[in-house]
Amino acid sequence: AREANRATRHGQPLSVIMFDLDHFKQVNDTYGHEAGDTVLQETARVAQRLLRLSDLLGRWGGEEFLVVAPQTDSAQASGLAERLRQAIAAHPLQRVGSITASFGVAEYRPPETPEAWLKRADEALYAAKEGGRNRVATAG
């Protein structure tokens, strides 16, 4: 909400990237929760290396992450999501090998609520998963 208020006040774009690790339950079921925790930590490290200091990265829940990208429009956020997707897929993980992720991108549209904005990102993420996973989908 704070970033949405700031973007509105300054007339700047703001985007969110929601991503989810594909088939993560299989990691926990096959290798155990300790390995799953390591995958989550490594994913966060890989993502953080590609982000700017002004970007915010957090765990949204389970195997979902959220990136809030100030001064970033939908096209720029989609490009960032694609770079994140490629980096995560290319990162070897001990015992697990590699993992992929699906991404949903949404640019903030004032005066929508933060909840509505995140819902659009979540719907885009769902579309990426429905489209075959390991891809980026952008909210219309």
Protein backbone atom coordinates (compact mmCIF):
# COMPACT_ATOMS: atom_id res chain seq x y z
CA ALA A 1 0.00 0.00 0.00
CA ARG A 2 2.87 2.37 0.82
CA GLU A 3 4.47 1.87 -2.60
CA ALA A 4 1.10 2.26 -4.36
CA ASN A 5 0.54 5.55 -2.55
CA ARG A 6 4.03 6.74 -3.49
CA ALA A 7 3.58 5.77 -7.15
CA THR A 8 0.25 7.56 -7.32
CA ARG A 9 1.62 10.67 -5.62
CA HIS A 10 4.62 10.90 -7.99
CA GLY A 11 2.84 9.69 -11.11
CA GLN A 12 5.29 6.82 -11.58
CA PRO A 13 4.68 3.23 -12.64
CA LEU A 14 4.74 0.41 -10.12
CA SER A 15 4.59 -3.28 -10.81
CA VAL A 16 4.41 -6.48 -8.87
CA ILE A 17 5.78 -9.89 -9.86
CA MET A 18 4.31 -12.92 -8.14
CA PHE A 19 6.04 -16.22 -8.70
CA ASP A 20 5.57 -19.77 -7.57
CA LEU A 21 7.97 -22.71 -7.72
CA ASP A 22 6.62 -25.37 -10.07
CA HIS A 23 5.87 -28.79 -8.56
CA PHE A 24 7.43 -27.78 -5.24
CA LYS A 25 5.39 -30.36 -3.31
CA GLN A 26 7.35 -33.06 -5.14
CA VAL A 27 10.60 -31.59 -3.78
CA ASN A 28 9.34 -31.88 -0.20
CA ASP A 29 7.84 -35.32 -0.81
CA THR A 30 10.96 -36.70 -2.54
CA TYR A 31 13.83 -35.00 -0.70
CA GLY A 32 12.25 -33.85 2.58
CA HIS A 33 11.33 -30.49 4.06
CA GLU A 34 14.94 -29.58 4.84
CA ALA A 35 15.77 -29.80 1.14
CA GLY A 36 12.61 -27.82 0.39
CA ASP A 37 13.73 -25.09 2.79
CA THR A 38 17.11 -24.98 1.05
CA VAL A 39 15.39 -24.61 -2.34
CA LEU A 40 13.38 -21.66 -1.00
CA GLN A 41 16.49 -19.99 0.41
CA GLU A 42 18.49 -20.52 -2.80
CA THR A 43 15.61 -19.21 -4.89
CA ALA A 44 15.51 -16.04 -2.81
CA ARG A 45 19.27 -15.59 -3.22
CA VAL A 46 19.09 -16.07 -6.99
CA ALA A 47 16.22 -13.60 -7.27
CA GLN A 48 17.82 -11.00 -4.99
CA ARG A 49 20.93 -10.87 -7.17
CA LEU A 50 18.83 -9.69 -10.13
CA LEU A 51 16.89 -7.02 -8.25
CA ARG A 52 17.67 -3.36 -7.66
CA LEU A 53 18.06 -1.96 -4.16
CA SER A 54 14.67 -0.27 -4.54
CA ASP A 55 12.90 -3.55 -5.36
CA LEU A 56 11.30 -5.49 -2.53
CA LEU A 57 11.42 -9.29 -2.43
CA GLY A 58 9.42 -11.34 0.03
CA ARG A 59 8.01 -14.78 0.53
CA TRP A 60 4.30 -14.54 -0.10
CA GLY A 61 3.46 -17.93 1.33
CA GLY A 62 4.41 -21.55 0.83
CA GLU A 63 6.52 -21.59 -2.31
CA GLU A 64 5.28 -18.21 -3.58
CA PHE A 65 7.37 -15.07 -3.73
CA LEU A 66 6.48 -11.45 -4.44
CA VAL A 67 8.59 -8.69 -5.97
CA VAL A 68 7.42 -5.09 -5.69
CA ALA A 69 9.20 -3.07 -8.38
CA PRO A 70 8.90 0.73 -8.04
CA GLN A 71 9.31 2.92 -11.12
CA THR A 72 8.74 -0.15 -13.28
CA ASP A 73 6.01 -0.47 -15.88
CA SER A 74 4.41 -3.71 -17.02
CA ALA A 75 6.81 -4.28 -19.94
CA GLN A 76 9.87 -3.72 -17.76
CA ALA A 77 8.47 -5.98 -15.04
CA SER A 78 7.76 -8.70 -17.59
CA GLY A 79 11.37 -8.48 -18.76
CA LEU A 80 12.58 -8.73 -15.16
CA ALA A 81 10.28 -11.70 -14.55
CA GLU A 82 11.72 -13.43 -17.62
CA ARG A 83 15.27 -12.87 -16.36
CA LEU A 84 14.25 -14.26 -12.96
CA ARG A 85 12.60 -17.26 -14.62
CA GLN A 86 15.73 -18.06 -16.61
CA ALA A 87 18.06 -17.60 -13.63
CA ILE A 88 16.00 -19.85 -11.37
CA ALA A 89 15.76 -22.58 -14.02
CA ALA A 90 19.52 -22.40 -14.68
CA HIS A 91 20.55 -22.53 -11.01
CA PRO A 92 21.66 -26.02 -9.94
CA LEU A 93 20.39 -27.11 -6.55
CA GLN A 94 22.16 -29.69 -4.40
CA ARG A 95 20.31 -33.03 -4.41
CA VAL A 96 17.32 -31.56 -6.24
CA GLY A 97 18.94 -30.59 -9.55
CA SER A 98 17.00 -27.67 -10.93
CA ILE A 99 13.55 -26.24 -10.45
CA THR A 100 11.37 -23.95 -12.52
CA ALA A 101 8.96 -21.19 -11.58
CA SER A 102 5.86 -19.57 -13.05
CA PHE A 103 5.34 -15.80 -12.94
CA GLY A 104 2.44 -13.37 -12.91
CA VAL A 105 3.04 -9.65 -13.53
CA ALA A 106 0.66 -6.75 -12.89
CA GLU A 107 1.20 -3.00 -13.10
CA TYR A 108 -0.59 -0.91 -10.50
CA ARG A 109 -3.63 0.98 -11.83
CA PRO A 110 -4.65 3.84 -9.54
CA PRO A 111 -7.06 4.02 -7.79
CA GLU A 112 -7.36 0.23 -7.48
CA THR A 113 -6.79 -1.26 -4.05
CA PRO A 114 -3.58 -3.16 -3.34
CA GLU A 115 -5.75 -6.26 -2.92
CA ALA A 116 -7.22 -5.87 -6.42
CA TRP A 117 -3.73 -5.28 -7.84
CA LEU A 118 -2.36 -8.43 -6.19
CA LYS A 119 -5.41 -10.39 -7.34
CA ARG A 120 -4.59 -9.47 -10.94
CA ALA A 121 -1.00 -10.64 -10.43
CA ASP A 122 -2.27 -13.88 -8.92
CA GLU A 123 -4.61 -14.42 -11.87
CA ALA A 124 -1.69 -13.88 -14.26
CA LEU A 125 0.37 -16.38 -12.25
CA TYR A 126 -2.48 -18.89 -12.52
CA ALA A 127 -2.59 -18.30 -16.30
CA ALA A 128 1.16 -19.02 -16.50
CA LYS A 129 0.66 -22.28 -14.64
CA GLU A 130 -2.34 -23.22 -16.78
CA GLY A 131 -0.30 -22.38 -19.88
CA GLY A 132 2.27 -25.02 -19.07
CA ARG A 133 4.36 -23.61 -16.18
CA ASN A 134 7.89 -22.19 -16.36
CA ARG A 135 6.62 -19.04 -18.06
CA VAL A 136 5.67 -15.42 -17.49
CA ALA A 137 2.12 -14.12 -17.90
CA THR A 138 1.16 -10.45 -17.65
CA ALA A 139 -2.18 -9.16 -16.39
CA GLY A 140 -4.16 -7.34 -19.07
